[in-house]
């Protein structure tokens, strides 16, 4: 699994806060334009659950990250939903001058993966009808970062 997010796309609904989050105090989006998670291992837990281990890269640093996720097969598509807790201080990120960014934060990712192909028709030999470059690609995804003590309501 690889998930890449444009660090400059941070949008909290507050322009001043967004500029600060993109600054060198946090994501340093100009110097490090991408936030990326790359898995190194996925282990089945049963009942549609998996344990994903890998590395999260942000602000020029990489830290190990492991989390549980749910997967669900719908026709040929795969729904994937995960929640992970991240202590942003491990990336050298500050709490902000008013200490308004609390540690840790919760990151939620939800996506649907669909099978894609590089256009190989399977007739020309090679890999037994499996296209090189075929695999799964996200059709849409939602990534939400939530302060761990943010109040949530039902509905």
Foldseek 3Di string as FASTA:
>chain_A
DKDKDFLLPDDPPDVVVSVVCCPLLHQVCVVPGIWMWDWDDWADPDPQKIKTWTWIDGSHDIDIFIWMWGWDDDPQKIKIKTKGKDFRVVNVHDCDPVSVQDPIKIKIKIFMWHWDAPPDQQPPDDPNRHHVVIDIDTPDMDIDIGRPPDDDDDD
